[in-house]
Amino acid sequence: MTPTTPEAKGSDDPSVAVNTVTLDHPWRWIEAGWSDFRRAPAISLIYGMIFVLISYLLVVWLFLSDRFFLVPPLTAGYFLVTPFLALGLYDVSRRLERDEVPDIGESFTSWRVNPFNLFSMGLVLVLLLLFWMMAANFVFAIFYTGITPRLDQLFDVLFLSGNSPLFLAMGVVSGSFFALAAFSISVVAVPMLVDRKIDLVTAISTSLSAVRSNYRPLMLWAALIVMFVGLGLITFFIGLAVLMPVVGYASWHAYRDLVAAH
């Protein structure tokens, strides 16, 4: 895909430039992501079912460890690590745009093109997720000291108690901060690290530059990611089997439109 607005602006690294896109582009990215899903349905569904399986395993672990109250913040944490979880999907989209046949084995090992920097990027996103979980625990402790709600009490304690409005507001504010930080540093950084042998600092600075230059389109893109991943979550994770691959493919096309060709 080629941006309709070809003007390029320099990122923090002078060797990388970012393009200016319009509010129409996020919708085109979703369309392109759906097209890639249809062109590679088997691989897409394999990745999708992996997302579903991981989700259920996390929920079961939290339930068995009496930490079920952490399911909401951990669910929100999907938005922090989604770019890295879609790593193999970027390889699929790259091969499709070259009219090559995607290979599931190659996509699973796509990290080998830039292992150190991709590992470092994953570590940064995991640290953000951990800080978000710590913040969620802190907010919970402020309002519900000494309470560890059982599963049958969870909804009433978190959403119907007298502390619920302020608790939910603080949770949304703190979660939004971490989500915006993760989105800003990774929106093009992760696919860029798969596509180019560059360092982590250059990738992150380019991502931040893309957000600064395209704030409105990328805030729309962030909202669409939240909507699609949220739809997958409220279907008890089943919807993630389709929606996560589509978002992953769309993220590749977003990178292609936002970062100038090399």
C-alpha atoms as a PDB file:
ATOM      1  CA  MET A   1       0.000   0.000   0.000  1.00  0.00           C
ATOM      2  CA  THR A   2       1.215   3.515  -0.781  1.00  0.00           C
ATOM      3  CA  PRO A   3       0.191   6.593   1.234  1.00  0.00           C
ATOM      4  CA  THR A   4      -1.927   9.048  -0.705  1.00  0.00           C
ATOM      5  CA  THR A   5       0.071  11.807   0.980  1.00  0.00           C
ATOM      6  CA  PRO A   6       3.657  11.086  -0.007  1.00  0.00           C
ATOM      7  CA  GLU A   7       5.268  13.830   2.062  1.00  0.00           C
ATOM      8  CA  ALA A   8       8.022  12.379   4.251  1.00  0.00           C
ATOM      9  CA  LYS A   9       9.227  13.822   7.534  1.00  0.00           C
ATOM     10  CA  GLY A  10      12.491  12.937   9.221  1.00  0.00           C
ATOM     11  CA  SER A  11      12.475  10.797  12.338  1.00  0.00           C
ATOM     12  CA  ASP A  12      14.967  11.224  15.172  1.00  0.00           C
ATOM     13  CA  ASP A  13      17.362   9.144  13.101  1.00  0.00           C
ATOM     14  CA  PRO A  14      18.194  11.069   9.886  1.00  0.00           C
ATOM     15  CA  SER A  15      18.424   7.858   7.868  1.00  0.00           C
ATOM     16  CA  VAL A  16      14.766   6.998   8.463  1.00  0.00           C
ATOM     17  CA  ALA A  17      11.791   9.092   7.373  1.00  0.00           C
ATOM     18  CA  VAL A  18       8.124   8.750   8.170  1.00  0.00           C
ATOM     19  CA  ASN A  19       5.237   9.477   5.829  1.00  0.00           C
ATOM     20  CA  THR A  20       2.155  11.556   6.462  1.00  0.00           C
ATOM     21  CA  VAL A  21      -1.068   9.527   6.276  1.00  0.00           C
ATOM     22  CA  THR A  22      -4.734  10.468   6.459  1.00  0.00           C
ATOM     23  CA  LEU A  23      -7.705   9.428   8.573  1.00  0.00           C
ATOM     24  CA  ASP A  24      -8.698   7.069   5.753  1.00  0.00           C
ATOM     25  CA  HIS A  25      -5.592   4.937   6.139  1.00  0.00           C
ATOM     26  CA  PRO A  26      -6.496   3.027   9.340  1.00  0.00           C
ATOM     27  CA  TRP A  27      -9.595   1.699   7.605  1.00  0.00           C
ATOM     28  CA  ARG A  28      -7.473   0.655   4.615  1.00  0.00           C
ATOM     29  CA  TRP A  29      -5.095  -1.165   6.965  1.00  0.00           C
ATOM     30  CA  ILE A  30      -7.986  -3.172   8.384  1.00  0.00           C
ATOM     31  CA  GLU A  31      -9.168  -3.974   4.850  1.00  0.00           C
ATOM     32  CA  ALA A  32      -5.666  -5.070   3.869  1.00  0.00           C
ATOM     33  CA  GLY A  33      -5.377  -7.161   7.047  1.00  0.00           C
ATOM     34  CA  TRP A  34      -8.627  -8.948   6.245  1.00  0.00           C
ATOM     35  CA  SER A  35      -7.380  -9.548   2.707  1.00  0.00           C
ATOM     36  CA  ASP A  36      -4.197 -11.165   4.058  1.00  0.00           C
ATOM     37  CA  PHE A  37      -6.273 -13.326   6.400  1.00  0.00           C
ATOM     38  CA  ARG A  38      -8.309 -14.630   3.468  1.00  0.00           C
ATOM     39  CA  ARG A  39      -5.169 -15.284   1.415  1.00  0.00           C
ATOM     40  CA  ALA A  40      -3.554 -17.313   4.213  1.00  0.00           C
ATOM     41  CA  PRO A  41      -6.478 -18.692   6.259  1.00  0.00           C
ATOM     42  CA  ALA A  42      -4.736 -21.790   7.635  1.00  0.00           C
ATOM     43  CA  ILE A  43      -1.708 -19.970   9.054  1.00  0.00           C
ATOM     44  CA  SER A  44      -3.948 -17.151  10.276  1.00  0.00           C
ATOM     45  CA  LEU A  45      -6.206 -19.512  12.221  1.00  0.00           C
ATOM     46  CA  ILE A  46      -3.220 -21.350  13.708  1.00  0.00           C
ATOM     47  CA  TYR A  47      -1.950 -18.057  15.107  1.00  0.00           C
ATOM     48  CA  GLY A  48      -5.451 -17.098  16.160  1.00  0.00           C
ATOM     49  CA  MET A  49      -5.967 -20.311  18.102  1.00  0.00           C
ATOM     50  CA  ILE A  50      -2.611 -19.818  19.811  1.00  0.00           C
ATOM     51  CA  PHE A  51      -3.871 -16.452  21.086  1.00  0.00           C
ATOM     52  CA  VAL A  52      -7.068 -18.117  22.304  1.00  0.00           C
ATOM     53  CA  LEU A  53      -5.202 -20.946  24.031  1.00  0.00           C
ATOM     54  CA  ILE A  54      -2.782 -18.589  25.799  1.00  0.00           C
ATOM     55  CA  SER A  55      -5.720 -16.490  26.989  1.00  0.00           C
ATOM     56  CA  TYR A  56      -7.494 -19.474  28.527  1.00  0.00           C
ATOM     57  CA  LEU A  57      -4.304 -20.766  30.135  1.00  0.00           C
ATOM     58  CA  LEU A  58      -3.726 -17.388  31.802  1.00  0.00           C
ATOM     59  CA  VAL A  59      -7.297 -17.271  33.094  1.00  0.00           C
ATOM     60  CA  VAL A  60      -7.060 -20.819  34.472  1.00  0.00           C
ATOM     61  CA  TRP A  61      -3.746 -20.001  36.164  1.00  0.00           C
ATOM     62  CA  LEU A  62      -5.197 -16.882  37.797  1.00  0.00           C
ATOM     63  CA  PHE A  63      -8.263 -18.832  38.920  1.00  0.00           C
ATOM     64  CA  LEU A  64      -6.233 -21.661  40.452  1.00  0.00           C
ATOM     65  CA  SER A  65      -3.918 -19.195  42.225  1.00  0.00           C
ATOM     66  CA  ASP A  66      -6.834 -17.184  43.702  1.00  0.00           C
ATOM     67  CA  ARG A  67      -5.872 -14.138  41.640  1.00  0.00           C
ATOM     68  CA  PHE A  68      -8.947 -14.066  39.429  1.00  0.00           C
ATOM     69  CA  PHE A  69      -9.445 -10.362  40.253  1.00  0.00           C
ATOM     70  CA  LEU A  70      -6.369  -9.710  38.073  1.00  0.00           C
ATOM     71  CA  VAL A  71      -8.145 -10.945  34.941  1.00  0.00           C
ATOM     72  CA  PRO A  72      -9.442  -7.433  33.973  1.00  0.00           C
ATOM     73  CA  PRO A  73      -6.010  -5.704  34.128  1.00  0.00           C
ATOM     74  CA  LEU A  74      -4.285  -8.684  32.534  1.00  0.00           C
ATOM     75  CA  THR A  75      -6.896  -8.632  29.782  1.00  0.00           C
ATOM     76  CA  ALA A  76      -6.192  -4.936  29.268  1.00  0.00           C
ATOM     77  CA  GLY A  77      -2.524  -5.861  29.088  1.00  0.00           C
ATOM     78  CA  TYR A  78      -3.214  -7.452  25.705  1.00  0.00           C
ATOM     79  CA  PHE A  79      -3.086  -3.970  24.241  1.00  0.00           C
ATOM     80  CA  LEU A  80       0.436  -3.472  25.580  1.00  0.00           C
ATOM     81  CA  VAL A  81       2.030  -6.581  24.105  1.00  0.00           C
ATOM     82  CA  THR A  82      -0.128  -7.105  20.995  1.00  0.00           C
ATOM     83  CA  PRO A  83       2.539  -5.685  18.602  1.00  0.00           C
ATOM     84  CA  PHE A  84       5.085  -8.253  19.788  1.00  0.00           C
ATOM     85  CA  LEU A  85       2.608 -11.136  19.867  1.00  0.00           C
ATOM     86  CA  ALA A  86       1.966 -10.505  16.165  1.00  0.00           C
ATOM     87  CA  LEU A  87       5.631 -10.952  15.256  1.00  0.00           C
ATOM     88  CA  GLY A  88       5.144 -13.977  13.003  1.00  0.00           C
ATOM     89  CA  LEU A  89       2.133 -12.406  11.318  1.00  0.00           C
ATOM     90  CA  TYR A  90       4.310  -9.600   9.987  1.00  0.00           C
ATOM     91  CA  ASP A  91       6.401 -12.183   8.164  1.00  0.00           C
ATOM     92  CA  VAL A  92       3.248 -13.644   6.614  1.00  0.00           C
ATOM     93  CA  SER A  93       2.122 -10.226   5.333  1.00  0.00           C
ATOM     94  CA  ARG A  94       5.595  -9.463   4.010  1.00  0.00           C
ATOM     95  CA  ARG A  95       5.636 -12.674   1.989  1.00  0.00           C
ATOM     96  CA  LEU A  96       2.123 -12.097   0.684  1.00  0.00           C
ATOM     97  CA  GLU A  97       3.014  -8.629  -0.584  1.00  0.00           C
ATOM     98  CA  ARG A  98       5.912 -10.241  -2.475  1.00  0.00           C
ATOM     99  CA  ASP A  99       3.489 -12.823  -3.929  1.00  0.00           C
ATOM    100  CA  GLU A 100       5.338 -15.566  -2.054  1.00  0.00           C
ATOM    101  CA  VAL A 101       3.690 -18.502  -0.302  1.00  0.00           C
ATOM    102  CA  PRO A 102       3.804 -17.958   3.490  1.00  0.00           C
ATOM    103  CA  ASP A 103       5.397 -20.724   5.521  1.00  0.00           C
ATOM    104  CA  ILE A 104       4.327 -21.369   9.115  1.00  0.00           C
ATOM    105  CA  GLY A 105       7.811 -22.532  10.100  1.00  0.00           C
ATOM    106  CA  GLU A 106       9.469 -19.453   8.649  1.00  0.00           C
ATOM    107  CA  SER A 107       6.979 -17.164  10.362  1.00  0.00           C
ATOM    108  CA  PHE A 108       7.681 -18.785  13.752  1.00  0.00           C
ATOM    109  CA  THR A 109      11.390 -18.110  13.279  1.00  0.00           C
ATOM    110  CA  SER A 110      11.090 -14.610  11.796  1.00  0.00           C
ATOM    111  CA  TRP A 111      12.758 -13.242  14.929  1.00  0.00           C
ATOM    112  CA  ARG A 112      16.085 -14.606  13.681  1.00  0.00           C
ATOM    113  CA  VAL A 113      16.472 -11.694  11.257  1.00  0.00           C
ATOM    114  CA  ASN A 114      17.150  -9.308  14.156  1.00  0.00           C
ATOM    115  CA  PRO A 115      17.211 -11.406  17.355  1.00  0.00           C
ATOM    116  CA  PHE A 116      18.916  -9.104  19.843  1.00  0.00           C
ATOM    117  CA  ASN A 117      16.860  -6.018  19.049  1.00  0.00           C
ATOM    118  CA  LEU A 118      13.594  -7.951  18.820  1.00  0.00           C
ATOM    119  CA  PHE A 119      14.312  -9.589  22.175  1.00  0.00           C
ATOM    120  CA  SER A 120      15.074  -6.160  23.633  1.00  0.00           C
ATOM    121  CA  MET A 121      11.816  -4.769  22.221  1.00  0.00           C
ATOM    122  CA  GLY A 122       9.897  -7.678  23.717  1.00  0.00           C
ATOM    123  CA  LEU A 123      11.580  -7.059  27.061  1.00  0.00           C
ATOM    124  CA  VAL A 124      10.545  -3.394  26.990  1.00  0.00           C
ATOM    125  CA  LEU A 125       6.911  -4.317  26.301  1.00  0.00           C
ATOM    126  CA  VAL A 126       6.900  -7.019  28.984  1.00  0.00           C
ATOM    127  CA  LEU A 127       8.319  -4.522  31.481  1.00  0.00           C
ATOM    128  CA  LEU A 128       5.524  -2.109  30.594  1.00  0.00           C
ATOM    129  CA  LEU A 129       3.026  -4.924  31.162  1.00  0.00           C
ATOM    130  CA  LEU A 130       4.581  -5.729  34.544  1.00  0.00           C
ATOM    131  CA  PHE A 131       4.497  -2.069  35.579  1.00  0.00           C
ATOM    132  CA  TRP A 132       0.858  -1.932  34.493  1.00  0.00           C
ATOM    133  CA  MET A 133       0.065  -5.006  36.592  1.00  0.00           C
ATOM    134  CA  MET A 134       1.858  -3.427  39.567  1.00  0.00           C
ATOM    135  CA  ALA A 135      -0.110  -0.235  39.073  1.00  0.00           C
ATOM    136  CA  ALA A 136      -3.363  -2.219  38.851  1.00  0.00           C
ATOM    137  CA  ASN A 137      -2.492  -4.036  42.070  1.00  0.00           C
ATOM    138  CA  PHE A 138      -1.694  -0.723  43.744  1.00  0.00           C
ATOM    139  CA  VAL A 139      -4.994   0.835  42.666  1.00  0.00           C
ATOM    140  CA  PHE A 140      -6.868  -2.255  43.851  1.00  0.00           C
ATOM    141  CA  ALA A 141      -5.072  -2.174  47.223  1.00  0.00           C
ATOM    142  CA  ILE A 142      -6.036   1.492  47.745  1.00  0.00           C
ATOM    143  CA  PHE A 143      -9.752   0.815  47.394  1.00  0.00           C
ATOM    144  CA  TYR A 144     -10.069  -2.781  48.574  1.00  0.00           C
ATOM    145  CA  THR A 145      -7.516  -3.259  51.357  1.00  0.00           C
ATOM    146  CA  GLY A 146      -7.567  -6.763  52.758  1.00  0.00           C
ATOM    147  CA  ILE A 147     -10.066  -8.032  50.172  1.00  0.00           C
ATOM    148  CA  THR A 148      -9.394 -10.925  47.832  1.00  0.00           C
ATOM    149  CA  PRO A 149     -12.741 -11.369  46.077  1.00  0.00           C
ATOM    150  CA  ARG A 150     -13.907 -14.826  45.095  1.00  0.00           C
ATOM    151  CA  LEU A 151     -15.105 -15.443  41.566  1.00  0.00           C
ATOM    152  CA  ASP A 152     -18.773 -15.174  42.586  1.00  0.00           C
ATOM    153  CA  GLN A 153     -18.064 -11.807  44.272  1.00  0.00           C
ATOM    154  CA  LEU A 154     -15.827 -10.323  41.610  1.00  0.00           C
ATOM    155  CA  PHE A 155     -18.442  -8.420  39.622  1.00  0.00           C
ATOM    156  CA  ASP A 156     -20.132  -6.950  42.715  1.00  0.00           C
ATOM    157  CA  VAL A 157     -16.858  -5.913  44.365  1.00  0.00           C
ATOM    158  CA  LEU A 158     -15.298  -4.321  41.284  1.00  0.00           C
ATOM    159  CA  PHE A 159     -18.352  -2.779  39.629  1.00  0.00           C
ATOM    160  CA  LEU A 160     -21.191  -2.375  42.139  1.00  0.00           C
ATOM    161  CA  SER A 161     -19.523  -1.301  45.377  1.00  0.00           C
ATOM    162  CA  GLY A 162     -19.395   2.292  46.619  1.00  0.00           C
ATOM    163  CA  ASN A 163     -15.745   2.588  45.568  1.00  0.00           C
ATOM    164  CA  SER A 164     -16.366   1.348  42.043  1.00  0.00           C
ATOM    165  CA  PRO A 165     -16.641   4.663  40.107  1.00  0.00           C
ATOM    166  CA  LEU A 166     -13.376   6.145  41.397  1.00  0.00           C
ATOM    167  CA  PHE A 167     -11.639   2.767  41.285  1.00  0.00           C
ATOM    168  CA  LEU A 168     -12.622   2.229  37.655  1.00  0.00           C
ATOM    169  CA  ALA A 169     -11.654   5.802  36.747  1.00  0.00           C
ATOM    170  CA  MET A 170      -8.173   5.401  38.243  1.00  0.00           C
ATOM    171  CA  GLY A 171      -7.825   2.034  36.551  1.00  0.00           C
ATOM    172  CA  VAL A 172      -8.733   3.465  33.167  1.00  0.00           C
ATOM    173  CA  VAL A 173      -6.367   6.438  33.566  1.00  0.00           C
ATOM    174  CA  SER A 174      -3.401   4.328  34.642  1.00  0.00           C
ATOM    175  CA  GLY A 175      -4.108   1.684  32.003  1.00  0.00           C
ATOM    176  CA  SER A 176      -4.442   4.305  29.270  1.00  0.00           C
ATOM    177  CA  PHE A 177      -1.060   5.775  30.200  1.00  0.00           C
ATOM    178  CA  PHE A 178       0.735   2.448  29.815  1.00  0.00           C
ATOM    179  CA  ALA A 179      -1.245   1.545  26.690  1.00  0.00           C
ATOM    180  CA  LEU A 180      -0.380   4.861  25.012  1.00  0.00           C
ATOM    181  CA  ALA A 181       3.290   4.445  25.916  1.00  0.00           C
ATOM    182  CA  ALA A 182       3.396   0.899  24.514  1.00  0.00           C
ATOM    183  CA  PHE A 183       1.537   1.911  21.362  1.00  0.00           C
ATOM    184  CA  SER A 184       3.762   4.945  20.715  1.00  0.00           C
ATOM    185  CA  ILE A 185       7.054   3.076  20.962  1.00  0.00           C
ATOM    186  CA  SER A 186       5.949  -0.036  19.089  1.00  0.00           C
ATOM    187  CA  VAL A 187       3.380   0.931  16.448  1.00  0.00           C
ATOM    188  CA  VAL A 188       5.997   0.690  13.695  1.00  0.00           C
ATOM    189  CA  ALA A 189       9.042  -0.409  15.709  1.00  0.00           C
ATOM    190  CA  VAL A 190       8.265  -4.134  15.884  1.00  0.00           C
ATOM    191  CA  PRO A 191       7.417  -4.680  12.194  1.00  0.00           C
ATOM    192  CA  MET A 192      10.365  -2.438  11.330  1.00  0.00           C
ATOM    193  CA  LEU A 193      12.710  -4.674  13.348  1.00  0.00           C
ATOM    194  CA  VAL A 194      11.363  -7.695  11.438  1.00  0.00           C
ATOM    195  CA  ASP A 195      11.821  -5.933   8.094  1.00  0.00           C
ATOM    196  CA  ARG A 196      15.161  -4.183   8.605  1.00  0.00           C
ATOM    197  CA  LYS A 197      18.396  -4.893  10.442  1.00  0.00           C
ATOM    198  CA  ILE A 198      18.299  -1.749  12.550  1.00  0.00           C
ATOM    199  CA  ASP A 199      18.857  -1.090  16.226  1.00  0.00           C
ATOM    200  CA  LEU A 200      16.159  -0.754  18.862  1.00  0.00           C
ATOM    201  CA  VAL A 201      16.752   2.959  19.506  1.00  0.00           C
ATOM    202  CA  THR A 202      16.283   3.805  15.825  1.00  0.00           C
ATOM    203  CA  ALA A 203      13.118   1.704  15.621  1.00  0.00           C
ATOM    204  CA  ILE A 204      11.583   3.304  18.720  1.00  0.00           C
ATOM    205  CA  SER A 205      12.543   6.847  17.691  1.00  0.00           C
ATOM    206  CA  THR A 206      10.993   6.245  14.260  1.00  0.00           C
ATOM    207  CA  SER A 207       7.812   4.958  15.906  1.00  0.00           C
ATOM    208  CA  LEU A 208       7.603   8.020  18.153  1.00  0.00           C
ATOM    209  CA  SER A 209       8.190  10.258  15.151  1.00  0.00           C
ATOM    210  CA  ALA A 210       5.398   8.518  13.245  1.00  0.00           C
ATOM    211  CA  VAL A 211       3.001   9.144  16.138  1.00  0.00           C
ATOM    212  CA  ARG A 212       3.999  12.808  16.386  1.00  0.00           C
ATOM    213  CA  SER A 213       3.592  13.342  12.640  1.00  0.00           C
ATOM    214  CA  ASN A 214       0.306  11.431  12.379  1.00  0.00           C
ATOM    215  CA  TYR A 215      -1.286  11.904  15.771  1.00  0.00           C
ATOM    216  CA  ARG A 216      -4.925  11.921  14.642  1.00  0.00           C
ATOM    217  CA  PRO A 217      -4.750   8.947  12.225  1.00  0.00           C
ATOM    218  CA  LEU A 218      -2.767   6.901  14.729  1.00  0.00           C
ATOM    219  CA  MET A 219      -5.116   7.677  17.598  1.00  0.00           C
ATOM    220  CA  LEU A 220      -7.893   6.390  15.332  1.00  0.00           C
ATOM    221  CA  TRP A 221      -5.753   3.341  14.605  1.00  0.00           C
ATOM    222  CA  ALA A 222      -5.214   2.787  18.347  1.00  0.00           C
ATOM    223  CA  ALA A 223      -8.977   3.054  18.918  1.00  0.00           C
ATOM    224  CA  LEU A 224      -9.627   0.493  16.183  1.00  0.00           C
ATOM    225  CA  ILE A 225      -7.112  -1.899  17.746  1.00  0.00           C
ATOM    226  CA  VAL A 226      -8.832  -1.513  21.117  1.00  0.00           C
ATOM    227  CA  MET A 227     -12.211  -2.110  19.481  1.00  0.00           C
ATOM    228  CA  PHE A 228     -11.184  -5.228  17.565  1.00  0.00           C
ATOM    229  CA  VAL A 229      -9.177  -6.796  20.378  1.00  0.00           C
ATOM    230  CA  GLY A 230     -11.957  -5.840  22.798  1.00  0.00           C
ATOM    231  CA  LEU A 231     -14.489  -7.651  20.616  1.00  0.00           C
ATOM    232  CA  GLY A 232     -12.292 -10.712  20.797  1.00  0.00           C
ATOM    233  CA  LEU A 233     -12.083 -10.505  24.577  1.00  0.00           C
ATOM    234  CA  ILE A 234     -15.817 -10.089  25.210  1.00  0.00           C
ATOM    235  CA  THR A 235     -16.485 -13.219  23.149  1.00  0.00           C
ATOM    236  CA  PHE A 236     -14.583 -15.125  25.857  1.00  0.00           C
ATOM    237  CA  PHE A 237     -11.453 -14.960  23.688  1.00  0.00           C
ATOM    238  CA  ILE A 238     -12.939 -16.981  20.797  1.00  0.00           C
ATOM    239  CA  GLY A 239     -13.091 -13.916  18.564  1.00  0.00           C
ATOM    240  CA  LEU A 240      -9.336 -13.473  18.952  1.00  0.00           C
ATOM    241  CA  ALA A 241      -8.890 -16.420  16.579  1.00  0.00           C
ATOM    242  CA  VAL A 242      -9.848 -14.118  13.705  1.00  0.00           C
ATOM    243  CA  LEU A 243      -9.428 -10.603  15.042  1.00  0.00           C
ATOM    244  CA  MET A 244      -5.848 -10.886  16.313  1.00  0.00           C
ATOM    245  CA  PRO A 245      -4.461 -12.100  12.950  1.00  0.00           C
ATOM    246  CA  VAL A 246      -6.390  -9.364  11.117  1.00  0.00           C
ATOM    247  CA  VAL A 247      -5.001  -6.695  13.475  1.00  0.00           C
ATOM    248  CA  GLY A 248      -1.515  -8.167  13.135  1.00  0.00           C
ATOM    249  CA  TYR A 249      -1.633  -8.077   9.348  1.00  0.00           C
ATOM    250  CA  ALA A 250      -3.125  -4.588   9.403  1.00  0.00           C
ATOM    251  CA  SER A 251      -0.255  -3.444  11.625  1.00  0.00           C
ATOM    252  CA  TRP A 252       2.198  -4.550   8.950  1.00  0.00           C
ATOM    253  CA  HIS A 253       0.408  -2.445   6.349  1.00  0.00           C
ATOM    254  CA  ALA A 254       0.377   0.480   8.791  1.00  0.00           C
ATOM    255  CA  TYR A 255       4.149   0.192   9.056  1.00  0.00           C
ATOM    256  CA  ARG A 256       4.504   0.068   5.285  1.00  0.00           C
ATOM    257  CA  ASP A 257       2.486   3.260   4.885  1.00  0.00           C
ATOM    258  CA  LEU A 258       4.077   5.125   7.791  1.00  0.00           C
ATOM    259  CA  VAL A 259       7.778   4.438   7.214  1.00  0.00           C
ATOM    260  CA  ALA A 260       9.487   5.561   4.038  1.00  0.00           C
ATOM    261  CA  ALA A 261      10.812   2.760   1.825  1.00  0.00           C
ATOM    262  CA  HIS A 262      14.479   1.896   2.099  1.00  0.00           C
END
